[in-house]
């Protein structure tokens, strides 16, 4: 699933008020962090993650790695934070704007 710019903008507006639910530090992306984030997608469709200054990886690399491992969409990377989206399989809570076909 690829998000359109309109859908991405909508998710960014929803994420603006979110508090980060995870912090990634010196250990960078461990299997435990990946599993914990994947587990969070059972109760949340949209999450924000902070990458601490002591993390040696680039924030964008960490974001891409986690989105691939959790099979979620990377919505945005802003500063040392990033937002991930993964809709619930049954009964999604966030309804994305539809694509307009020409």
N, C-alpha and C. Protein backbone atom coordinates (compact mmCIF):
# COMPACT_ATOMS: atom_id res chain seq x y z
N UNK A 1 0.84 -1.18 0.00
CA UNK A 1 0.00 0.00 0.00
C UNK A 1 0.89 1.25 0.00
N UNK A 2 0.63 2.12 -0.94
CA UNK A 2 1.35 3.38 -0.99
C UNK A 2 0.37 4.51 -0.72
N UNK A 3 0.78 5.40 0.14
CA UNK A 3 -0.08 6.52 0.50
C UNK A 3 0.02 7.62 -0.55
N UNK A 4 -1.11 8.25 -0.85
CA UNK A 4 -1.10 9.42 -1.73
C UNK A 4 -0.67 10.63 -0.90
N UNK A 5 -0.34 11.72 -1.55
CA UNK A 5 0.08 12.92 -0.82
C UNK A 5 -1.07 13.45 0.05
N UNK A 6 -2.30 13.30 -0.43
CA UNK A 6 -3.46 13.75 0.34
C UNK A 6 -3.63 12.89 1.60
N UNK A 7 -3.48 11.59 1.46
CA UNK A 7 -3.58 10.68 2.60
C UNK A 7 -2.45 10.93 3.60
N UNK A 8 -1.26 11.15 3.08
CA UNK A 8 -0.10 11.41 3.93
C UNK A 8 -0.32 12.71 4.72
N UNK A 9 -0.83 13.74 4.06
CA UNK A 9 -1.11 15.02 4.72
C UNK A 9 -2.15 14.83 5.82
N UNK A 10 -3.16 14.03 5.55
CA UNK A 10 -4.21 13.76 6.55
C UNK A 10 -3.61 13.07 7.78
N UNK A 11 -2.77 12.06 7.54
CA UNK A 11 -2.14 11.34 8.65
C UNK A 11 -1.19 12.25 9.44
N UNK A 12 -0.47 13.13 8.74
CA UNK A 12 0.42 14.08 9.42
C UNK A 12 -0.38 14.98 10.35
N UNK A 13 -1.56 15.42 9.91
CA UNK A 13 -2.38 16.29 10.75
C UNK A 13 -2.86 15.54 11.99
N UNK A 14 -3.18 14.25 11.84
CA UNK A 14 -3.58 13.45 13.00
C UNK A 14 -2.41 13.21 13.95
N UNK A 15 -1.23 13.05 13.40
CA UNK A 15 -0.05 12.74 14.20
C UNK A 15 0.49 13.95 14.95
N UNK A 16 0.10 15.14 14.54
CA UNK A 16 0.65 16.36 15.16
C UNK A 16 0.43 16.38 16.67
N UNK A 17 -0.70 15.85 17.13
CA UNK A 17 -1.02 15.87 18.56
C UNK A 17 -0.54 14.64 19.31
N UNK A 18 0.03 13.68 18.61
CA UNK A 18 0.46 12.44 19.26
C UNK A 18 1.74 12.63 20.07
N UNK A 19 1.83 11.93 21.18
CA UNK A 19 3.08 11.85 21.92
C UNK A 19 3.84 10.62 21.45
N UNK A 20 5.18 10.69 21.42
CA UNK A 20 5.95 9.51 21.02
C UNK A 20 5.70 8.35 21.99
N UNK A 21 5.54 7.15 21.44
CA UNK A 21 5.30 5.97 22.28
C UNK A 21 6.58 5.15 22.47
N UNK A 22 7.60 5.42 21.67
CA UNK A 22 8.88 4.72 21.79
C UNK A 22 10.03 5.69 21.64
N UNK A 23 11.15 5.34 22.28
CA UNK A 23 12.39 6.07 22.10
C UNK A 23 13.45 5.06 21.70
N UNK A 24 14.18 5.40 20.65
CA UNK A 24 15.26 4.53 20.19
C UNK A 24 16.57 5.21 20.54
N UNK A 25 17.42 4.49 21.26
CA UNK A 25 18.66 5.08 21.74
C UNK A 25 19.90 4.43 21.17
N UNK A 26 20.89 4.30 22.02
CA UNK A 26 22.22 3.82 21.63
C UNK A 26 22.20 2.44 20.98
N UNK A 27 21.28 1.58 21.42
CA UNK A 27 21.23 0.22 20.88
C UNK A 27 20.63 0.17 19.48
N UNK A 28 20.19 1.28 18.96
CA UNK A 28 19.50 1.42 17.67
C UNK A 28 18.32 0.44 17.58
N UNK A 29 18.17 -0.21 16.42
CA UNK A 29 16.98 -1.04 16.20
C UNK A 29 17.28 -2.49 16.57
N UNK A 30 16.81 -2.89 17.73
CA UNK A 30 16.98 -4.27 18.19
C UNK A 30 15.72 -5.06 17.85
N UNK A 31 15.80 -6.39 17.82
CA UNK A 31 14.59 -7.19 17.59
C UNK A 31 13.51 -6.91 18.64
N UNK A 32 13.94 -6.60 19.86
CA UNK A 32 12.97 -6.31 20.93
C UNK A 32 12.18 -5.04 20.63
N UNK A 33 12.88 -4.01 20.16
CA UNK A 33 12.21 -2.74 19.80
C UNK A 33 11.24 -2.99 18.65
N UNK A 34 11.71 -3.70 17.63
CA UNK A 34 10.86 -4.00 16.48
C UNK A 34 9.61 -4.75 16.92
N UNK A 35 9.78 -5.76 17.76
CA UNK A 35 8.64 -6.55 18.25
C UNK A 35 7.68 -5.69 19.06
N UNK A 36 8.22 -4.82 19.90
CA UNK A 36 7.39 -3.96 20.73
C UNK A 36 6.57 -2.99 19.88
N UNK A 37 7.20 -2.43 18.85
CA UNK A 37 6.48 -1.52 17.95
C UNK A 37 5.42 -2.28 17.17
N UNK A 38 5.77 -3.47 16.68
CA UNK A 38 4.80 -4.29 15.95
C UNK A 38 3.61 -4.62 16.85
N UNK A 39 3.87 -4.89 18.11
CA UNK A 39 2.82 -5.19 19.08
C UNK A 39 1.90 -3.98 19.30
N UNK A 40 2.47 -2.79 19.29
CA UNK A 40 1.70 -1.56 19.48
C UNK A 40 0.67 -1.37 18.36
N UNK A 41 0.99 -1.88 17.17
CA UNK A 41 0.04 -1.76 16.06
C UNK A 41 -1.22 -2.60 16.27
N UNK A 42 -1.25 -3.44 17.31
CA UNK A 42 -2.48 -4.16 17.64
C UNK A 42 -3.52 -3.23 18.27
N UNK A 43 -3.05 -2.13 18.87
CA UNK A 43 -3.97 -1.21 19.54
C UNK A 43 -3.95 0.21 18.96
N UNK A 44 -2.95 0.52 18.14
CA UNK A 44 -2.84 1.85 17.54
C UNK A 44 -2.58 1.71 16.05
N UNK A 45 -3.18 2.58 15.26
CA UNK A 45 -2.91 2.57 13.82
C UNK A 45 -1.81 3.57 13.45
N UNK A 46 -1.66 4.60 14.27
CA UNK A 46 -0.72 5.68 13.99
C UNK A 46 0.15 5.88 15.23
N UNK A 47 1.47 5.77 15.07
CA UNK A 47 2.35 5.96 16.22
C UNK A 47 3.51 6.88 15.86
N UNK A 48 4.02 7.54 16.90
CA UNK A 48 5.17 8.44 16.73
C UNK A 48 6.32 7.86 17.55
N UNK A 49 7.52 7.90 16.98
CA UNK A 49 8.71 7.36 17.62
C UNK A 49 9.80 8.43 17.63
N UNK A 50 10.51 8.52 18.75
CA UNK A 50 11.62 9.46 18.87
C UNK A 50 12.94 8.70 18.78
N UNK A 51 13.90 9.27 18.06
CA UNK A 51 15.25 8.72 18.00
C UNK A 51 16.13 9.65 18.82
N UNK A 52 16.71 9.11 19.89
CA UNK A 52 17.52 9.92 20.80
C UNK A 52 18.85 10.31 20.15
N UNK A 53 19.47 11.35 20.70
CA UNK A 53 20.73 11.85 20.13
C UNK A 53 21.87 10.85 20.24
N UNK A 54 21.80 9.92 21.21
CA UNK A 54 22.90 8.96 21.36
C UNK A 54 22.78 7.78 20.38
N UNK A 55 21.77 7.79 19.53
CA UNK A 55 21.63 6.75 18.50
C UNK A 55 22.60 7.08 17.36
N UNK A 56 23.39 6.10 16.95
CA UNK A 56 24.41 6.34 15.93
C UNK A 56 23.85 6.31 14.50
N UNK A 57 22.68 5.73 14.31
CA UNK A 57 22.07 5.64 12.98
C UNK A 57 21.39 6.95 12.60
N UNK A 58 21.26 7.18 11.29
CA UNK A 58 20.47 8.31 10.79
C UNK A 58 19.00 8.06 11.11
N UNK A 59 18.27 9.11 11.46
CA UNK A 59 16.85 8.97 11.81
C UNK A 59 16.06 8.36 10.66
N UNK A 60 16.32 8.82 9.44
CA UNK A 60 15.57 8.29 8.28
C UNK A 60 15.86 6.81 8.06
N UNK A 61 17.09 6.37 8.28
CA UNK A 61 17.43 4.95 8.13
C UNK A 61 16.70 4.10 9.17
N UNK A 62 16.65 4.60 10.41
CA UNK A 62 15.95 3.89 11.47
C UNK A 62 14.46 3.78 11.12
N UNK A 63 13.88 4.88 10.65
CA UNK A 63 12.46 4.91 10.30
C UNK A 63 12.14 3.91 9.18
N UNK A 64 12.96 3.88 8.15
CA UNK A 64 12.74 2.96 7.03
C UNK A 64 12.88 1.51 7.49
N UNK A 65 13.91 1.25 8.29
CA UNK A 65 14.15 -0.10 8.80
C UNK A 65 12.95 -0.61 9.61
N UNK A 66 12.45 0.23 10.51
CA UNK A 66 11.33 -0.18 11.35
C UNK A 66 10.06 -0.33 10.53
N UNK A 67 9.82 0.57 9.59
CA UNK A 67 8.60 0.45 8.77
C UNK A 67 8.62 -0.83 7.94
N UNK A 68 9.79 -1.20 7.44
CA UNK A 68 9.90 -2.45 6.67
C UNK A 68 9.68 -3.67 7.57
N UNK A 69 10.30 -3.66 8.74
CA UNK A 69 10.21 -4.81 9.64
C UNK A 69 8.82 -4.98 10.24
N UNK A 70 8.07 -3.88 10.41
CA UNK A 70 6.73 -3.97 11.00
C UNK A 70 5.65 -3.96 9.92
N UNK A 71 6.06 -3.88 8.66
CA UNK A 71 5.14 -3.82 7.53
C UNK A 71 4.14 -2.66 7.67
N UNK A 72 4.69 -1.51 8.05
CA UNK A 72 3.87 -0.31 8.21
C UNK A 72 4.32 0.74 7.20
N UNK A 73 3.51 1.79 7.06
CA UNK A 73 3.84 2.89 6.16
C UNK A 73 4.56 3.98 6.92
N UNK A 74 5.65 4.48 6.38
CA UNK A 74 6.34 5.63 6.95
C UNK A 74 5.62 6.88 6.47
N UNK A 75 5.02 7.62 7.40
CA UNK A 75 4.25 8.81 7.04
C UNK A 75 5.18 10.01 6.89
N UNK A 76 6.03 10.22 7.90
CA UNK A 76 6.95 11.36 7.83
C UNK A 76 8.10 11.18 8.80
N UNK A 77 9.21 11.85 8.47
CA UNK A 77 10.34 11.97 9.37
C UNK A 77 10.51 13.46 9.58
N UNK A 78 10.46 13.89 10.83
CA UNK A 78 10.60 15.32 11.13
C UNK A 78 11.52 15.47 12.33
N UNK A 79 12.67 16.06 12.09
CA UNK A 79 13.67 16.19 13.15
C UNK A 79 14.14 14.81 13.59
N UNK A 80 14.01 14.53 14.88
CA UNK A 80 14.43 13.24 15.42
C UNK A 80 13.23 12.34 15.70
N UNK A 81 12.10 12.65 15.08
CA UNK A 81 10.89 11.85 15.27
C UNK A 81 10.40 11.35 13.92
N UNK A 82 9.68 10.23 13.96
CA UNK A 82 9.01 9.77 12.75
C UNK A 82 7.67 9.16 13.10
N UNK A 83 6.80 9.12 12.10
CA UNK A 83 5.43 8.64 12.29
C UNK A 83 5.21 7.44 11.38
N UNK A 84 4.62 6.39 11.96
CA UNK A 84 4.29 5.18 11.22
C UNK A 84 2.79 4.94 11.24
N UNK A 85 2.27 4.37 10.15
CA UNK A 85 0.84 4.07 10.05
C UNK A 85 0.66 2.63 9.58
N UNK A 86 -0.21 1.93 10.26
CA UNK A 86 -0.57 0.57 9.85
C UNK A 86 -2.05 0.37 10.20
N UNK A 87 -2.92 0.31 9.18
CA UNK A 87 -4.36 0.20 9.47
C UNK A 87 -4.70 -1.16 10.08
N UNK A 88 -5.71 -1.16 10.93
CA UNK A 88 -6.22 -2.43 11.47
C UNK A 88 -6.77 -3.24 10.31
N UNK A 89 -6.55 -4.56 10.34
CA UNK A 89 -7.07 -5.43 9.28
C UNK A 89 -8.61 -5.42 9.28
N UNK A 90 -9.19 -5.56 10.46
CA UNK A 90 -10.64 -5.54 10.59
C UNK A 90 -11.04 -4.23 11.25
N UNK A 91 -11.98 -3.54 10.65
CA UNK A 91 -12.55 -2.35 11.25
C UNK A 91 -11.53 -1.25 11.54
N UNK A 92 -10.86 -0.70 10.51
CA UNK A 92 -9.90 0.37 10.76
C UNK A 92 -10.59 1.60 11.36
N UNK A 93 -9.89 2.25 12.30
CA UNK A 93 -10.44 3.44 12.97
C UNK A 93 -10.18 4.71 12.13
N UNK A 94 -9.02 4.77 11.47
CA UNK A 94 -8.67 5.94 10.66
C UNK A 94 -9.14 5.68 9.23
N UNK A 95 -10.02 6.54 8.76
CA UNK A 95 -10.51 6.43 7.39
C UNK A 95 -9.75 7.45 6.54
N UNK A 96 -8.96 6.94 5.60
CA UNK A 96 -8.15 7.81 4.76
C UNK A 96 -8.99 8.43 3.66
N UNK A 97 -8.62 9.66 3.22
CA UNK A 97 -9.31 10.24 2.07
C UNK A 97 -9.11 9.35 0.84
N UNK A 98 -10.13 9.25 0.03
CA UNK A 98 -10.08 8.40 -1.17
C UNK A 98 -9.29 9.09 -2.29
N UNK A 99 -8.75 8.26 -3.18
CA UNK A 99 -8.09 8.77 -4.37
C UNK A 99 -9.16 9.27 -5.34
N UNK A 100 -8.87 10.40 -5.97
CA UNK A 100 -9.78 10.88 -7.02
C UNK A 100 -9.23 10.41 -8.35
N UNK A 101 -10.05 9.64 -9.05
CA UNK A 101 -9.61 9.15 -10.37
C UNK A 101 -10.07 10.14 -11.43
N UNK A 102 -9.19 10.43 -12.36
CA UNK A 102 -9.53 11.41 -13.40
C UNK A 102 -10.37 10.77 -14.49
